[in-house]
């Protein structure tokens, strides 16, 4: 394992995280005795929420979930929750359950290999069983996944989703498949019970490390925690090495950036330039801002655009109206399909689309309460001011004064580096090679790009308390008619914040 990590250049500091250490300490306190699958099933049928903790490289927990679905015997409906799928991809998951797309198309649309990469075969088998058994399936996770430092926040989000579904009128029995560390007493179980104290929980771990491998079922004395199969550390390590090697092969095969992935990364970069973590902000009826990120597609393939619109349930008349607007070099937002249609995937186009997504989303946006977020909301943040700051508009095409904007190369450099740390290495190389922020052919996009960054800088200064409300009101009236006006606005903003 150490040689492979060094060879592939993998950086994994999660083993030292307090989150994972709490889980391992808790496991050392438990003593298990042998039991049977029938005993576990009888116990599971008495509980409201069954948490299946998996060692991600091994498919045992996915097999258990399919086994449970096949043996449900009561009239109570069941619901399956999956950490492997983001909540923002529920649209595609529902399309699969309606048999509008197959497993391969689902994995492609949710970017399964890039976003998750574990146990594709086991997940596909489980999803087929759920669809054939008419079991509802929920995506539980929130993007970006990041490292171990985001696990506590993800516990909060998953608990909200599970309890929210449990408290509906039909009160389904929930089976959730997620990483084993989430099952520690202080983690997801605590978050669920704090929101719904009367919920009956059952936890089942899989493939726990032991000195010698022992298949079968085990239970601790309180009968709230079971284990299926114990394996040696070598088995776990070899399975993880296999996953790392597959990731390396996929990276070598990768042939460019996907517009949806690129747009979502760009929205993250712009949001963080406002000192906003999209996972910690609610937007309208959506749970979090990060779950409102749209899909993106280039209008060079009209058939693919029409297929996505039809999948979203749009009528033929609406589809024809959207299709007529494509191919004109403009960005179109189809809100009811959560889709952005772009003329291309250059950096300028993506930045304009991302700033517009944030402009639309920030209306009515509110921080998650301090109790849930673990930190205070932004001091002095007025979202109307943020929206105005981002909502710059270009009035007319302007003459080629590109050289009058010396800040554009610097902003392009900053934008690439803001996006870069969140992207895969090959995506960064492709981005730097293909995208030019100082394009002489699309000057309008360059000005709109700088307008997004002026808006971001304005909102950040407002949230930091370095701007007065009258200055924000004045900036909200700015209109960028060309590079000279953009330069004057940028200089004025610098003068205000110095």
Protein backbone atom coordinates (compact mmCIF):
# COMPACT_ATOMS: atom_id res chain seq x y z
CA UNK A 1 0.00 0.00 0.00
CA UNK A 2 2.77 2.45 0.92
CA UNK A 3 4.57 1.78 -2.38
CA UNK A 4 1.38 2.26 -4.37
CA UNK A 5 0.53 5.53 -2.61
CA UNK A 6 4.03 6.83 -3.36
CA UNK A 7 3.85 5.65 -6.98
CA UNK A 8 0.46 7.26 -7.67
CA UNK A 9 1.15 10.40 -5.63
CA UNK A 10 -1.94 9.89 -3.45
CA UNK A 11 -2.34 12.18 -0.45
CA UNK A 12 -4.51 10.65 2.24
CA UNK A 13 -4.41 12.23 5.69
CA UNK A 14 -7.82 10.90 6.73
CA UNK A 15 -6.38 8.19 9.01
CA UNK A 16 -5.22 10.88 11.43
CA UNK A 17 -8.56 12.70 11.51
CA UNK A 18 -10.38 12.88 14.89
CA UNK A 19 -13.55 11.73 13.14
CA UNK A 20 -12.12 8.36 12.10
CA UNK A 21 -10.23 7.96 15.37
CA UNK A 22 -13.50 8.31 17.31
CA UNK A 23 -14.99 5.50 15.24
CA UNK A 24 -12.04 3.14 15.83
CA UNK A 25 -11.96 3.91 19.58
CA UNK A 26 -15.65 3.11 19.80
CA UNK A 27 -15.15 -0.20 18.02
CA UNK A 28 -12.50 -1.29 20.53
CA UNK A 29 -15.10 -1.00 23.32
CA UNK A 30 -17.45 -3.56 21.76
CA UNK A 31 -17.41 -7.32 22.34
CA UNK A 32 -19.33 -9.49 19.85
CA UNK A 33 -20.92 -12.93 20.01
CA UNK A 34 -22.03 -15.11 17.10
CA UNK A 35 -25.58 -14.87 15.82
CA UNK A 36 -27.41 -15.60 12.55
CA UNK A 37 -28.82 -13.79 9.54
CA UNK A 38 -32.33 -14.76 10.65
CA UNK A 39 -31.73 -13.12 14.04
CA UNK A 40 -30.52 -9.94 12.34
CA UNK A 41 -33.51 -9.90 9.96
CA UNK A 42 -35.98 -10.31 12.83
CA UNK A 43 -34.34 -7.42 14.65
CA UNK A 44 -34.26 -5.25 11.50
CA UNK A 45 -38.00 -5.66 10.95
CA UNK A 46 -38.60 -4.06 14.36
CA UNK A 47 -36.57 -0.90 13.61
CA UNK A 48 -37.26 2.33 11.73
CA UNK A 49 -33.78 3.07 10.36
CA UNK A 50 -31.17 0.45 9.43
CA UNK A 51 -27.69 1.87 8.86
CA UNK A 52 -25.40 -0.40 6.84
CA UNK A 53 -21.78 0.63 7.33
CA UNK A 54 -19.52 -0.42 4.46
CA UNK A 55 -15.82 -0.59 3.80
CA UNK A 56 -16.13 1.25 0.49
CA UNK A 57 -13.85 -0.97 -1.69
CA UNK A 58 -15.84 -4.13 -0.79
CA UNK A 59 -19.44 -4.68 -1.98
CA UNK A 60 -20.69 -6.62 1.08
CA UNK A 61 -22.95 -3.84 2.42
CA UNK A 62 -24.55 -3.36 -1.00
CA UNK A 63 -25.24 -7.11 -1.08
CA UNK A 64 -26.84 -6.90 2.37
CA UNK A 65 -29.09 -4.04 1.26
CA UNK A 66 -30.27 -6.10 -1.72
CA UNK A 67 -30.81 -9.10 0.54
CA UNK A 68 -32.95 -7.02 2.92
CA UNK A 69 -35.03 -5.61 0.08
CA UNK A 70 -35.73 -9.11 -1.17
CA UNK A 71 -36.92 -10.29 2.27
CA UNK A 72 -39.26 -7.52 3.34
CA UNK A 73 -42.49 -9.14 4.44
CA UNK A 74 -44.60 -6.48 6.14
CA UNK A 75 -46.90 -3.90 4.55
CA UNK A 76 -44.70 -0.98 5.60
CA UNK A 77 -43.01 0.71 2.59
CA UNK A 78 -39.20 0.67 2.37
CA UNK A 79 -36.82 3.38 1.25
CA UNK A 80 -33.14 2.97 0.31
CA UNK A 81 -30.61 5.75 0.97
CA UNK A 82 -27.18 5.82 -0.70
CA UNK A 83 -24.14 7.86 0.28
CA UNK A 84 -22.65 6.99 -3.13
CA UNK A 85 -25.14 9.30 -4.90
CA UNK A 86 -25.42 13.04 -4.38
CA UNK A 87 -28.82 14.48 -3.49
CA UNK A 88 -28.42 16.91 -6.40
CA UNK A 89 -28.54 13.88 -8.77
CA UNK A 90 -31.95 12.72 -7.50
CA UNK A 91 -33.41 13.83 -10.83
CA UNK A 92 -31.35 11.21 -12.68
CA UNK A 93 -31.97 8.57 -10.02
CA UNK A 94 -35.72 9.04 -10.37
CA UNK A 95 -35.41 8.73 -14.15
CA UNK A 96 -33.68 5.38 -13.67
CA UNK A 97 -36.41 4.17 -11.29
CA UNK A 98 -39.01 5.15 -13.93
CA UNK A 99 -37.03 3.03 -16.46
CA UNK A 100 -36.28 6.06 -18.64
CA UNK A 101 -32.52 5.38 -18.51
CA UNK A 102 -30.43 2.28 -17.78
CA UNK A 103 -27.66 1.72 -15.21
CA UNK A 104 -24.83 2.77 -17.53
CA UNK A 105 -26.55 6.02 -18.45
CA UNK A 106 -27.27 6.73 -14.79
CA UNK A 107 -23.61 6.22 -13.86
CA UNK A 108 -22.56 8.50 -16.70
CA UNK A 109 -24.94 11.28 -15.72
CA UNK A 110 -24.01 11.25 -12.03
CA UNK A 111 -20.29 11.04 -12.95
CA UNK A 112 -20.02 7.92 -10.83
CA UNK A 113 -16.40 7.09 -11.68
CA UNK A 114 -15.18 10.63 -10.99
CA UNK A 115 -17.39 11.36 -7.95
CA UNK A 116 -17.28 7.96 -6.21
CA UNK A 117 -15.42 5.21 -8.04
CA UNK A 118 -16.16 2.28 -5.70
CA UNK A 119 -18.09 -0.95 -6.38
CA UNK A 120 -19.95 -0.02 -9.57
CA UNK A 121 -21.13 -3.60 -10.14
CA UNK A 122 -22.55 -3.93 -6.62
CA UNK A 123 -24.35 -0.59 -6.86
CA UNK A 124 -25.88 -1.41 -10.25
CA UNK A 125 -27.17 -4.76 -8.94
CA UNK A 126 -28.70 -3.08 -5.88
CA UNK A 127 -30.37 -0.36 -7.94
CA UNK A 128 -31.93 -2.95 -10.25
CA UNK A 129 -33.35 -4.81 -7.23
CA UNK A 130 -34.76 -1.59 -5.82
CA UNK A 131 -36.35 -0.65 -9.14
CA UNK A 132 -37.84 -4.11 -9.69
CA UNK A 133 -39.16 -4.13 -6.10
CA UNK A 134 -40.56 -0.57 -6.45
CA UNK A 135 -38.43 0.66 -3.56
CA UNK A 136 -37.82 4.40 -3.37
CA UNK A 137 -34.13 5.38 -3.53
CA UNK A 138 -32.64 8.59 -2.11
CA UNK A 139 -29.28 10.20 -2.80
CA UNK A 140 -27.91 11.21 0.61
CA UNK A 141 -24.57 12.93 0.12
CA UNK A 142 -23.73 16.56 -0.53
CA UNK A 143 -20.99 17.98 -2.71
CA UNK A 144 -18.15 18.61 -2.60
CA UNK A 145 -17.13 15.50 -0.68
CA UNK A 146 -13.62 16.72 0.14
CA UNK A 147 -11.65 15.04 2.90
CA UNK A 148 -12.32 13.84 6.42
CA UNK A 149 -12.94 17.41 7.61
CA UNK A 150 -16.31 17.45 5.79
CA UNK A 151 -17.64 14.23 7.35
CA UNK A 152 -19.38 15.88 10.33
CA UNK A 153 -21.25 18.25 8.04
CA UNK A 154 -22.25 15.34 5.84
CA UNK A 155 -23.64 13.56 8.92
CA UNK A 156 -25.89 16.57 9.53
CA UNK A 157 -27.11 16.63 5.96
CA UNK A 158 -27.74 12.88 5.77
CA UNK A 159 -29.60 12.95 9.10
CA UNK A 160 -31.83 15.77 7.84
CA UNK A 161 -32.69 13.81 4.73
CA UNK A 162 -33.33 10.51 6.48
CA UNK A 163 -35.46 12.00 9.24
CA UNK A 164 -37.32 14.21 6.76
CA UNK A 165 -38.30 11.14 4.75
CA UNK A 166 -39.12 9.09 7.86
CA UNK A 167 -41.54 11.70 9.19
CA UNK A 168 -43.77 11.73 6.14
CA UNK A 169 -47.22 10.21 6.37
CA UNK A 170 -46.29 6.74 5.09
CA UNK A 171 -43.30 6.42 7.52
CA UNK A 172 -41.18 4.03 5.43
CA UNK A 173 -38.49 1.79 6.89
CA UNK A 174 -35.17 3.34 5.86
CA UNK A 175 -32.12 1.32 4.83
CA UNK A 176 -29.03 3.50 4.31
CA UNK A 177 -25.69 2.34 2.88
CA UNK A 178 -22.77 4.57 3.87
CA UNK A 179 -19.18 4.53 5.07
CA UNK A 180 -18.51 2.62 8.28
CA UNK A 181 -17.15 5.62 10.20
CA UNK A 182 -20.55 7.36 9.96
CA UNK A 183 -21.95 4.68 12.31
CA UNK A 184 -19.99 5.76 15.40
CA UNK A 185 -22.27 6.66 18.33
CA UNK A 186 -21.29 10.35 18.16
CA UNK A 187 -21.74 10.65 14.40
CA UNK A 188 -24.81 9.94 12.25
CA UNK A 189 -26.80 8.01 14.93
CA UNK A 190 -26.47 10.97 17.29
CA UNK A 191 -27.61 13.39 14.58
CA UNK A 192 -30.66 11.25 13.77
CA UNK A 193 -31.70 10.83 17.40
CA UNK A 194 -31.28 14.54 18.13
CA UNK A 195 -33.86 15.25 15.40
CA UNK A 196 -36.16 12.30 16.09
CA UNK A 197 -35.59 10.87 19.61
CA UNK A 198 -38.18 8.09 19.25
CA UNK A 199 -36.58 6.61 16.13
CA UNK A 200 -35.52 2.97 16.53
CA UNK A 201 -32.05 2.50 15.05
CA UNK A 202 -30.10 -0.58 14.02
CA UNK A 203 -26.49 -0.58 12.81
CA UNK A 204 -24.71 -3.25 10.80
CA UNK A 205 -20.98 -3.06 10.02
CA UNK A 206 -19.31 -5.08 7.28
CA UNK A 207 -15.82 -6.50 6.71
CA UNK A 208 -14.37 -5.37 10.01
CA UNK A 209 -10.62 -6.06 10.42
CA UNK A 210 -9.64 -9.03 12.57
CA UNK A 211 -6.55 -11.19 13.12
CA UNK A 212 -8.16 -14.02 11.17
CA UNK A 213 -11.01 -13.96 8.67
CA UNK A 214 -14.39 -15.16 9.95
CA UNK A 215 -17.51 -15.08 7.80
CA UNK A 216 -20.93 -14.96 9.40
CA UNK A 217 -22.98 -12.67 11.63
CA UNK A 218 -22.05 -11.20 15.02
CA UNK A 219 -23.86 -9.03 17.53
CA UNK A 220 -22.87 -6.95 20.52
CA UNK A 221 -24.73 -7.41 23.80
CA UNK A 222 -27.09 -4.47 23.38
CA UNK A 223 -28.32 -5.87 20.04
CA UNK A 224 -28.16 -2.42 18.44
CA UNK A 225 -24.93 -3.16 16.56
CA UNK A 226 -24.27 -6.16 14.33
CA UNK A 227 -21.29 -7.15 12.19
CA UNK A 228 -21.34 -9.20 9.01
CA UNK A 229 -18.01 -10.85 8.14
CA UNK A 230 -14.62 -10.13 9.65
CA UNK A 231 -11.62 -10.00 7.32
CA UNK A 232 -7.88 -9.60 7.73
CA UNK A 233 -6.23 -6.23 7.29
CA UNK A 234 -4.56 -7.65 4.17
CA UNK A 235 -7.94 -8.23 2.48
CA UNK A 236 -8.99 -4.65 3.13
CA UNK A 237 -5.66 -3.30 1.94
CA UNK A 238 -5.64 -5.33 -1.29
CA UNK A 239 -9.17 -4.24 -2.15
CA UNK A 240 -8.25 -0.58 -1.61
CA UNK A 241 -5.12 -0.98 -3.75
CA UNK A 242 -7.33 -2.30 -6.54
CA UNK A 243 -9.54 0.79 -6.31
CA UNK A 244 -6.51 3.12 -6.42
CA UNK A 245 -5.15 1.38 -9.50
CA UNK A 246 -8.52 1.66 -11.25
CA UNK A 247 -8.66 5.37 -10.44
CA UNK A 248 -5.20 5.79 -11.96
CA UNK A 249 -6.31 3.96 -15.15
CA UNK A 250 -9.41 6.14 -15.43
CA UNK A 251 -7.34 9.30 -15.06
CA UNK A 252 -5.06 8.23 -17.90
CA UNK A 253 -8.10 7.53 -20.10
CA UNK A 254 -9.75 10.85 -19.28
CA UNK A 255 -10.07 12.94 -22.45
CA UNK A 256 -11.26 16.36 -21.31
CA UNK A 257 -13.55 18.21 -18.93
CA UNK A 258 -17.25 17.53 -18.64
CA UNK A 259 -19.27 20.78 -18.82
CA UNK A 260 -21.44 19.84 -15.82
CA UNK A 261 -18.44 19.07 -13.61
CA UNK A 262 -16.63 22.20 -14.78
CA UNK A 263 -19.65 24.46 -14.14
CA UNK A 264 -20.19 23.07 -10.65
CA UNK A 265 -16.53 23.55 -9.78
CA UNK A 266 -16.74 27.12 -11.09
CA UNK A 267 -19.81 27.85 -8.94
CA UNK A 268 -17.86 26.55 -5.93
CA UNK A 269 -14.92 28.82 -6.79
CA UNK A 270 -17.14 31.89 -7.11
CA UNK A 271 -19.11 31.07 -3.96
CA UNK A 272 -15.95 30.64 -1.91
CA UNK A 273 -14.72 34.00 -3.25
CA UNK A 274 -17.75 35.35 -1.35
CA UNK A 275 -16.59 33.47 1.76
CA UNK A 276 -19.60 31.20 1.30
CA UNK A 277 -19.51 27.44 1.75
CA UNK A 278 -22.39 26.29 -0.49
CA UNK A 279 -23.00 23.30 1.77
CA UNK A 280 -23.91 25.65 4.63
CA UNK A 281 -26.53 27.78 2.85
CA UNK A 282 -30.18 27.03 2.21
CA UNK A 283 -31.87 28.24 -0.97
CA UNK A 284 -35.65 28.43 -1.18
CA UNK A 285 -37.20 25.00 -0.80
CA UNK A 286 -33.89 23.24 -1.48
CA UNK A 287 -31.99 21.87 1.45
CA UNK A 288 -28.61 23.37 0.53
CA UNK A 289 -27.20 25.66 -2.14
CA UNK A 290 -24.80 22.88 -3.22
CA UNK A 291 -27.79 20.72 -4.15
CA UNK A 292 -29.15 23.32 -6.56
CA UNK A 293 -26.20 23.13 -8.91
CA UNK A 294 -27.59 22.58 -12.41
CA UNK A 295 -26.52 20.27 -15.17
CA UNK A 296 -24.71 21.82 -18.13
CA UNK A 297 -24.68 20.86 -21.78
CA UNK A 298 -23.31 22.47 -24.93
CA UNK A 299 -25.88 23.18 -27.65
CA UNK A 300 -23.67 21.62 -30.32
CA UNK A 301 -25.72 18.43 -29.87
CA UNK A 302 -29.40 19.47 -30.26
CA UNK A 303 -30.63 15.88 -29.94
CA UNK A 304 -28.97 15.48 -26.52
CA UNK A 305 -30.50 18.78 -25.40
CA UNK A 306 -33.98 17.70 -26.49
CA UNK A 307 -33.53 14.31 -24.79
CA UNK A 308 -32.68 15.98 -21.45
CA UNK A 309 -35.61 18.39 -21.73
CA UNK A 310 -38.00 15.55 -22.51
CA UNK A 311 -36.62 13.56 -19.58
CA UNK A 312 -37.39 16.53 -17.31
CA UNK A 313 -41.04 16.32 -18.32
CA UNK A 314 -41.21 19.42 -20.51
CA UNK A 315 -43.95 19.52 -23.12
CA UNK A 316 -43.20 19.46 -26.83
CA UNK A 317 -44.13 23.11 -27.25
CA UNK A 318 -41.71 24.19 -24.54
CA UNK A 319 -38.98 21.94 -25.95
CA UNK A 320 -39.38 23.50 -29.40
CA UNK A 321 -39.20 27.00 -27.91
CA UNK A 322 -35.96 26.18 -26.07
CA UNK A 323 -34.47 24.46 -29.11
CA UNK A 324 -35.14 27.52 -31.30
CA UNK A 325 -33.03 29.66 -28.96
CA UNK A 326 -30.05 27.29 -29.10
CA UNK A 327 -27.19 27.72 -31.54
CA UNK A 328 -27.09 31.52 -31.26
CA UNK A 329 -23.99 31.81 -29.12
CA UNK A 330 -25.90 32.58 -25.91
CA UNK A 331 -26.37 30.92 -22.52
CA UNK A 332 -29.87 29.68 -21.73
CA UNK A 333 -31.27 28.64 -18.34
CA UNK A 334 -34.12 26.12 -18.28
CA UNK A 335 -35.08 26.32 -14.62
CA UNK A 336 -37.73 23.59 -14.64
CA UNK A 337 -35.14 21.12 -16.00
CA UNK A 338 -32.29 22.44 -13.82
CA UNK A 339 -30.26 22.75 -17.01
CA UNK A 340 -27.83 25.34 -18.40
CA UNK A 341 -27.40 25.27 -22.18
CA UNK A 342 -24.10 26.85 -23.24
CA UNK A 343 -22.60 27.59 -26.67
CA UNK A 344 -19.22 26.12 -25.59
CA UNK A 345 -17.25 25.10 -22.49
CA UNK A 346 -14.58 27.78 -22.45
CA UNK A 347 -13.59 29.38 -19.17
CA UNK A 348 -15.29 32.69 -20.03
CA UNK A 349 -18.59 31.00 -20.82
CA UNK A 350 -18.47 28.88 -17.69
CA UNK A 351 -17.72 31.91 -15.49
CA UNK A 352 -20.67 33.84 -16.92
CA UNK A 353 -22.98 30.86 -16.41
CA UNK A 354 -21.69 30.28 -12.87
CA UNK A 355 -22.18 33.92 -11.86
CA UNK A 356 -25.73 33.82 -13.22
CA UNK A 357 -26.48 30.61 -11.29
CA UNK A 358 -25.29 32.28 -8.09
CA UNK A 359 -27.26 35.43 -8.88
CA UNK A 360 -30.45 33.41 -9.25
CA UNK A 361 -29.75 31.17 -6.26
CA UNK A 362 -28.83 33.88 -3.78
CA UNK A 363 -32.30 35.37 -3.92
CA UNK A 364 -33.80 34.11 -0.69
CA UNK A 365 -30.57 32.39 0.34
CA UNK A 366 -29.96 32.07 4.07
CA UNK A 367 -27.15 30.55 6.11
CA UNK A 368 -27.78 27.33 7.96
CA UNK A 369 -28.41 28.21 11.64
CA UNK A 370 -25.29 28.46 13.76
CA UNK A 371 -26.27 25.39 15.81
CA UNK A 372 -26.21 23.23 12.71
CA UNK A 373 -23.37 24.86 10.83
CA UNK A 374 -20.96 24.92 13.75
CA UNK A 375 -19.90 28.49 13.03
CA UNK A 376 -21.63 31.90 12.92
CA UNK A 377 -23.19 33.17 9.69
CA UNK A 378 -21.38 35.84 7.71
CA UNK A 379 -21.23 39.08 9.66
CA UNK A 380 -23.31 41.84 8.10
CA UNK A 381 -24.21 39.78 5.02
CA UNK A 382 -27.21 41.26 3.17
CA UNK A 383 -28.15 38.91 0.39
CA UNK A 384 -29.91 41.59 -1.63
CA UNK A 385 -26.56 43.37 -1.78
CA UNK A 386 -24.79 40.20 -2.86
CA UNK A 387 -27.36 39.58 -5.56
CA UNK A 388 -27.00 43.13 -6.86
CA UNK A 389 -23.24 42.82 -6.78
CA UNK A 390 -23.27 39.70 -8.92
CA UNK A 391 -26.06 40.80 -11.24
CA UNK A 392 -24.01 43.01 -13.56
CA UNK A 393 -25.34 43.13 -17.09
CA UNK A 394 -23.75 43.91 -20.41
CA UNK A 395 -25.82 46.39 -22.44
CA UNK A 396 -24.28 46.45 -25.91
CA UNK A 397 -21.35 44.95 -27.81
CA UNK A 398 -18.28 47.09 -27.49
CA UNK A 399 -15.21 47.85 -29.66
CA UNK A 400 -11.92 45.94 -29.29
CA UNK A 401 -10.25 47.70 -26.37
CA UNK A 402 -8.91 44.47 -24.89
CA UNK A 403 -5.49 45.97 -24.13
CA UNK A 404 -7.10 48.62 -21.93
CA UNK A 405 -7.93 45.96 -19.35
CA UNK A 406 -4.58 44.82 -17.91
CA UNK A 407 -6.33 43.10 -15.02
CA UNK A 408 -7.87 40.43 -17.26
CA UNK A 409 -4.75 38.21 -17.45
CA UNK A 410 -4.34 38.41 -13.69
CA UNK A 411 -8.00 37.52 -13.15
CA UNK A 412 -7.68 34.64 -15.57
CA UNK A 413 -4.68 33.36 -13.63
CA UNK A 414 -6.57 33.70 -10.34
CA UNK A 415 -9.62 31.98 -11.77
CA UNK A 416 -7.63 29.00 -13.03
CA UNK A 417 -5.95 28.62 -9.66
CA UNK A 418 -9.21 29.02 -7.74
CA UNK A 419 -10.70 26.26 -9.86
CA UNK A 420 -7.52 24.22 -10.09
CA UNK A 421 -7.17 22.77 -6.56
CA UNK A 422 -10.64 21.22 -6.80
CA UNK A 423 -10.05 19.64 -10.22
CA UNK A 424 -8.26 16.49 -11.25
CA UNK A 425 -4.74 17.00 -12.57
CA UNK A 426 -5.64 16.17 -16.17
CA UNK A 427 -8.62 18.55 -16.06
CA UNK A 428 -6.32 21.37 -14.92
CA UNK A 429 -3.93 20.71 -17.79
CA UNK A 430 -6.78 20.61 -20.27
CA UNK A 431 -8.26 23.80 -18.84
CA UNK A 432 -5.01 25.75 -19.06
CA UNK A 433 -4.36 24.45 -22.57
CA UNK A 434 -7.80 25.10 -24.07
CA UNK A 435 -9.37 28.02 -22.23
CA UNK A 436 -8.15 31.58 -22.76
CA UNK A 437 -9.63 34.28 -20.63
CA UNK A 438 -8.14 37.01 -22.88
CA UNK A 439 -9.89 35.81 -25.99
CA UNK A 440 -9.90 38.36 -28.82
CA UNK A 441 -12.85 36.64 -30.49
CA UNK A 442 -15.28 36.73 -27.58
CA UNK A 443 -14.64 40.08 -25.92
CA UNK A 444 -18.15 40.28 -24.56
CA UNK A 445 -17.58 37.15 -22.53
CA UNK A 446 -14.35 38.60 -21.15
CA UNK A 447 -16.15 41.69 -19.87
CA UNK A 448 -18.94 39.62 -18.41
CA UNK A 449 -16.33 37.44 -16.77
CA UNK A 450 -14.66 40.41 -15.10
CA UNK A 451 -18.11 41.69 -14.08
CA UNK A 452 -18.66 38.44 -12.19
CA UNK A 453 -15.40 38.91 -10.35
CA UNK A 454 -16.10 42.57 -9.60
CA UNK A 455 -19.43 41.43 -8.18
CA UNK A 456 -17.72 38.73 -6.12
CA UNK A 457 -15.14 41.20 -4.78
CA UNK A 458 -17.90 43.69 -3.98
CA UNK A 459 -19.95 41.13 -2.05
CA UNK A 460 -16.89 39.92 -0.17
CA UNK A 461 -15.96 43.48 0.84
CA UNK A 462 -19.56 44.08 1.95
CA UNK A 463 -19.60 40.93 4.07
CA UNK A 464 -16.27 41.95 5.65
CA UNK A 465 -17.72 45.33 6.64
CA UNK A 466 -15.34 47.42 4.48
CA UNK A 467 -18.14 48.93 2.37
CA UNK A 468 -20.98 51.21 3.36
CA UNK A 469 -24.54 50.52 2.30
CA UNK A 470 -24.63 53.62 0.07
CA UNK A 471 -21.57 52.33 -1.80
CA UNK A 472 -23.27 48.99 -2.38
CA UNK A 473 -26.38 50.79 -3.63
CA UNK A 474 -24.22 52.83 -6.00
CA UNK A 475 -22.39 49.74 -7.26
CA UNK A 476 -25.69 47.96 -7.92
CA UNK A 477 -26.40 50.59 -10.61
CA UNK A 478 -23.16 49.95 -12.51
CA UNK A 479 -23.53 48.81 -16.12
CA UNK A 480 -20.48 47.50 -17.90
CA UNK A 481 -20.68 48.86 -21.43
CA UNK A 482 -17.07 48.10 -22.28
CA UNK A 483 -13.55 47.71 -20.95
CA UNK A 484 -13.15 51.37 -19.99
CA UNK A 485 -16.23 51.28 -17.81
CA UNK A 486 -15.11 47.97 -16.33
CA UNK A 487 -11.70 49.42 -15.52
CA UNK A 488 -13.28 52.48 -13.85
CA UNK A 489 -15.61 50.28 -11.77
CA UNK A 490 -12.75 48.06 -10.72
CA UNK A 491 -10.59 51.06 -9.77
CA UNK A 492 -13.46 52.53 -7.77
CA UNK A 493 -13.94 49.29 -5.88
CA UNK A 494 -10.22 49.18 -5.03
CA UNK A 495 -10.38 52.77 -3.79
CA UNK A 496 -13.37 51.96 -1.59
CA UNK A 497 -11.75 48.94 0.02
CA UNK A 498 -8.26 50.35 0.65
